[in-house]
C-alpha atoms as a PDB file:
ATOM      1  CA  MET A   1      60.193  16.574   7.434  1.00  0.00           C
ATOM      2  CA  ILE A   2      56.664  17.287   6.243  1.00  0.00           C
ATOM      3  CA  MET A   3      54.800  19.862   8.259  1.00  0.00           C
ATOM      4  CA  LYS A   4      51.051  19.551   8.341  1.00  0.00           C
ATOM      5  CA  SER A   5      49.146  22.804   8.319  1.00  0.00           C
ATOM      6  CA  ASN A   6      45.450  23.353   8.463  1.00  0.00           C
ATOM      7  CA  PHE A   7      44.272  25.552   5.641  1.00  0.00           C
ATOM      8  CA  LEU A   8      40.650  26.064   4.882  1.00  0.00           C
ATOM      9  CA  ILE A   9      40.156  25.555   1.168  1.00  0.00           C
ATOM     10  CA  HIS A  10      36.701  25.575  -0.279  1.00  0.00           C
ATOM     11  CA  LYS A  11      36.116  22.201  -1.910  1.00  0.00           C
ATOM     12  CA  SER A  12      34.519  23.725  -5.012  1.00  0.00           C
ATOM     13  CA  SER A  13      37.642  25.825  -5.679  1.00  0.00           C
ATOM     14  CA  ILE A  14      39.622  22.594  -6.038  1.00  0.00           C
ATOM     15  CA  TYR A  15      37.108  21.266  -8.557  1.00  0.00           C
ATOM     16  CA  ILE A  16      37.102  24.529 -10.519  1.00  0.00           C
ATOM     17  CA  LEU A  17      40.906  24.644 -10.673  1.00  0.00           C
ATOM     18  CA  ARG A  18      41.076  21.005 -11.771  1.00  0.00           C
ATOM     19  CA  ILE A  19      38.480  21.566 -14.515  1.00  0.00           C
ATOM     20  CA  ALA A  20      40.162  24.743 -15.735  1.00  0.00           C
ATOM     21  CA  VAL A  21      43.629  23.186 -15.892  1.00  0.00           C
ATOM     22  CA  SER A  22      42.500  19.910 -17.467  1.00  0.00           C
ATOM     23  CA  GLY A  23      40.798  21.689 -20.381  1.00  0.00           C
ATOM     24  CA  ILE A  24      44.042  22.682 -22.069  1.00  0.00           C
ATOM     25  CA  PHE A  25      45.265  19.076 -22.096  1.00  0.00           C
ATOM     26  CA  LEU A  26      42.007  17.677 -23.420  1.00  0.00           C
ATOM     27  CA  VAL A  27      41.987  20.190 -26.287  1.00  0.00           C
ATOM     28  CA  ALA A  28      45.692  19.625 -26.973  1.00  0.00           C
ATOM     29  CA  SER A  29      45.256  15.850 -26.970  1.00  0.00           C
ATOM     30  CA  ILE A  30      42.515  16.067 -29.571  1.00  0.00           C
ATOM     31  CA  SER A  31      44.710  18.337 -31.675  1.00  0.00           C
ATOM     32  CA  HIS A  32      47.667  15.959 -31.349  1.00  0.00           C
ATOM     33  CA  LEU A  33      45.551  12.977 -32.377  1.00  0.00           C
ATOM     34  CA  THR A  34      43.527  14.578 -35.182  1.00  0.00           C
ATOM     35  CA  ASN A  35      46.217  16.838 -36.648  1.00  0.00           C
ATOM     36  CA  VAL A  36      49.387  14.790 -36.301  1.00  0.00           C
ATOM     37  CA  ASP A  37      51.063  16.335 -39.352  1.00  0.00           C
ATOM     38  CA  GLY A  38      50.291  19.888 -38.206  1.00  0.00           C
ATOM     39  CA  THR A  39      51.723  19.175 -34.780  1.00  0.00           C
ATOM     40  CA  ILE A  40      54.836  17.633 -36.330  1.00  0.00           C
ATOM     41  CA  ALA A  41      55.226  20.763 -38.469  1.00  0.00           C
ATOM     42  CA  ARG A  42      55.130  22.920 -35.323  1.00  0.00           C
ATOM     43  CA  ILE A  43      57.909  20.790 -33.822  1.00  0.00           C
ATOM     44  CA  GLU A  44      60.004  20.963 -36.989  1.00  0.00           C
ATOM     45  CA  ASN A  45      59.637  24.763 -37.103  1.00  0.00           C
ATOM     46  CA  ALA A  46      60.363  25.255 -33.398  1.00  0.00           C
ATOM     47  CA  PRO A  47      63.601  26.932 -32.348  1.00  0.00           C
ATOM     48  CA  MET A  48      64.335  24.105 -29.898  1.00  0.00           C
ATOM     49  CA  LYS A  49      63.253  21.207 -32.140  1.00  0.00           C
ATOM     50  CA  GLY A  50      66.480  19.355 -31.325  1.00  0.00           C
ATOM     51  CA  PHE A  51      65.213  18.868 -27.781  1.00  0.00           C
ATOM     52  CA  ALA A  52      62.103  17.008 -29.003  1.00  0.00           C
ATOM     53  CA  LEU A  53      63.998  15.083 -31.660  1.00  0.00           C
ATOM     54  CA  PHE A  54      66.364  13.823 -28.950  1.00  0.00           C
ATOM     55  CA  PHE A  55      63.453  11.743 -27.581  1.00  0.00           C
ATOM     56  CA  GLY A  56      62.644  10.022 -30.872  1.00  0.00           C
ATOM     57  CA  ASP A  57      60.512  10.092 -33.969  1.00  0.00           C
ATOM     58  CA  PRO A  58      58.209  13.157 -33.977  1.00  0.00           C
ATOM     59  CA  ARG A  59      55.184  11.192 -35.248  1.00  0.00           C
ATOM     60  CA  THR A  60      55.497   8.652 -32.450  1.00  0.00           C
ATOM     61  CA  LEU A  61      56.018  11.406 -29.873  1.00  0.00           C
ATOM     62  CA  VAL A  62      52.962  13.352 -31.060  1.00  0.00           C
ATOM     63  CA  ILE A  63      50.695  10.304 -30.984  1.00  0.00           C
ATOM     64  CA  LEU A  64      51.982   9.048 -27.619  1.00  0.00           C
ATOM     65  CA  SER A  65      51.751  12.489 -26.038  1.00  0.00           C
ATOM     66  CA  GLY A  66      48.224  12.874 -27.435  1.00  0.00           C
ATOM     67  CA  ILE A  67      47.129   9.577 -25.912  1.00  0.00           C
ATOM     68  CA  ALA A  68      48.848  10.337 -22.593  1.00  0.00           C
ATOM     69  CA  MET A  69      47.322  13.839 -22.415  1.00  0.00           C
ATOM     70  CA  LEU A  70      43.873  12.427 -23.149  1.00  0.00           C
ATOM     71  CA  ILE A  71      44.060   9.711 -20.484  1.00  0.00           C
ATOM     72  CA  ALA A  72      45.775  11.849 -17.828  1.00  0.00           C
ATOM     73  CA  GLY A  73      43.582  14.857 -18.719  1.00  0.00           C
ATOM     74  CA  ILE A  74      40.373  12.872 -18.202  1.00  0.00           C
ATOM     75  CA  SER A  75      41.744  11.356 -14.995  1.00  0.00           C
ATOM     76  CA  PHE A  76      42.707  14.824 -13.749  1.00  0.00           C
ATOM     77  CA  LEU A  77      39.326  16.252 -14.761  1.00  0.00           C
ATOM     78  CA  ILE A  78      37.304  13.671 -12.847  1.00  0.00           C
ATOM     79  CA  GLY A  79      39.672  13.625  -9.868  1.00  0.00           C
ATOM     80  CA  TYR A  80      40.851  10.041 -10.251  1.00  0.00           C
ATOM     81  CA  LYS A  81      44.482   9.620  -9.171  1.00  0.00           C
ATOM     82  CA  THR A  82      44.821  13.399  -9.297  1.00  0.00           C
ATOM     83  CA  ARG A  83      48.383  13.528  -8.017  1.00  0.00           C
ATOM     84  CA  TRP A  84      49.628  10.961 -10.555  1.00  0.00           C
ATOM     85  CA  SER A  85      47.727  12.465 -13.460  1.00  0.00           C
ATOM     86  CA  ALA A  86      49.202  15.880 -12.562  1.00  0.00           C
ATOM     87  CA  ILE A  87      52.700  14.385 -12.542  1.00  0.00           C
ATOM     88  CA  VAL A  88      52.133  12.770 -15.957  1.00  0.00           C
ATOM     89  CA  LEU A  89      50.820  16.055 -17.360  1.00  0.00           C
ATOM     90  CA  ILE A  90      53.852  17.910 -15.952  1.00  0.00           C
ATOM     91  CA  ALA A  91      56.122  15.352 -17.615  1.00  0.00           C
ATOM     92  CA  ILE A  92      54.403  16.106 -20.936  1.00  0.00           C
ATOM     93  CA  LEU A  93      54.153  19.872 -20.451  1.00  0.00           C
ATOM     94  CA  ILE A  94      57.843  20.482 -19.759  1.00  0.00           C
ATOM     95  CA  PRO A  95      59.265  19.069 -23.027  1.00  0.00           C
ATOM     96  CA  ILE A  96      56.461  20.659 -25.058  1.00  0.00           C
ATOM     97  CA  THR A  97      57.165  24.018 -23.448  1.00  0.00           C
ATOM     98  CA  LEU A  98      60.916  23.713 -23.939  1.00  0.00           C
ATOM     99  CA  THR A  99      60.501  22.650 -27.567  1.00  0.00           C
ATOM    100  CA  ILE A 100      57.759  24.979 -28.769  1.00  0.00           C
ATOM    101  CA  GLN A 101      57.688  28.010 -26.450  1.00  0.00           C
ATOM    102  CA  VAL A 102      61.288  28.634 -25.396  1.00  0.00           C
ATOM    103  CA  GLY A 103      63.136  30.693 -27.966  1.00  0.00           C
ATOM    104  CA  GLN A 104      60.075  32.555 -29.210  1.00  0.00           C
ATOM    105  CA  MET A 105      60.829  35.866 -27.590  1.00  0.00           C
ATOM    106  CA  SER A 106      58.263  37.683 -29.730  1.00  0.00           C
ATOM    107  CA  SER A 107      55.389  35.790 -28.084  1.00  0.00           C
ATOM    108  CA  MET A 108      56.113  35.348 -24.408  1.00  0.00           C
ATOM    109  CA  GLY A 109      52.421  34.942 -23.541  1.00  0.00           C
ATOM    110  CA  PRO A 110      52.227  31.232 -24.417  1.00  0.00           C
ATOM    111  CA  LEU A 111      55.390  30.540 -22.432  1.00  0.00           C
ATOM    112  CA  PHE A 112      53.960  32.156 -19.318  1.00  0.00           C
ATOM    113  CA  LYS A 113      50.602  30.427 -19.922  1.00  0.00           C
ATOM    114  CA  ASN A 114      52.453  27.121 -19.749  1.00  0.00           C
ATOM    115  CA  ILE A 115      54.295  28.255 -16.618  1.00  0.00           C
ATOM    116  CA  ALA A 116      50.929  29.067 -15.012  1.00  0.00           C
ATOM    117  CA  ILE A 117      49.548  25.664 -16.029  1.00  0.00           C
ATOM    118  CA  PHE A 118      52.676  24.078 -14.536  1.00  0.00           C
ATOM    119  CA  GLY A 119      51.926  25.909 -11.280  1.00  0.00           C
ATOM    120  CA  GLY A 120      48.367  24.579 -11.230  1.00  0.00           C
ATOM    121  CA  LEU A 121      49.562  21.032 -11.879  1.00  0.00           C
ATOM    122  CA  LEU A 122      52.302  21.354  -9.273  1.00  0.00           C
ATOM    123  CA  PHE A 123      49.659  22.385  -6.729  1.00  0.00           C
ATOM    124  CA  PHE A 124      47.924  19.029  -7.256  1.00  0.00           C
ATOM    125  CA  ALA A 125      51.168  17.048  -7.468  1.00  0.00           C
ATOM    126  CA  ILE A 126      52.331  18.395  -4.099  1.00  0.00           C
ATOM    127  CA  ASN A 127      49.002  18.263  -2.257  1.00  0.00           C
ATOM    128  CA  ASP A 128      47.157  14.972  -1.827  1.00  0.00           C
ATOM    129  CA  PHE A 129      43.561  15.970  -2.460  1.00  0.00           C
ATOM    130  CA  ASP A 130      42.517  12.432  -3.359  1.00  0.00           C
ATOM    131  CA  SER A 131      42.830  11.270   0.247  1.00  0.00           C
ATOM    132  CA  GLN A 132      41.723  14.553   1.816  1.00  0.00           C
ATOM    133  CA  PHE A 133      38.305  14.489   0.180  1.00  0.00           C
ATOM    134  CA  LYS A 134      37.506  10.851   0.923  1.00  0.00           C
ATOM    135  CA  ILE A 135      34.704  10.259   3.379  1.00  0.00           C
ATOM    136  CA  GLN A 136      36.101   8.951   6.626  1.00  0.00           C
ATOM    137  CA  LYS A 137      34.332   5.986   8.192  1.00  0.00           C
ATOM    138  CA  THR A 138      33.535   6.320  11.869  1.00  0.00           C
END
């Protein structure tokens, strides 16, 4: 059962959160697409590289994830299909985090950065802001 609650959320805070969260994916997508070999090297040097390699060829994964992050990141940024773009970005973020960040105990900051980004994306995946901000016809 879904309970509806009335919370007052300032509309601009939603835009600011969406812009802030989308930035990491836009930058990462450009890196994935312009530095494919460097990104592959990061995967091959990662403690959990077997997790990524389970899904296929690293070059294909890097290029596909770069394209997906770019498209979903732009969609998320402009607020088009926000819930679905957040879900796509979560689906990309989880394997990247498990492959690259988990197992690097010396640098826990990036792991918790990704956990925070996951929280921001989850906020938009759970809440339907696309329909809430549409102008209702009378």
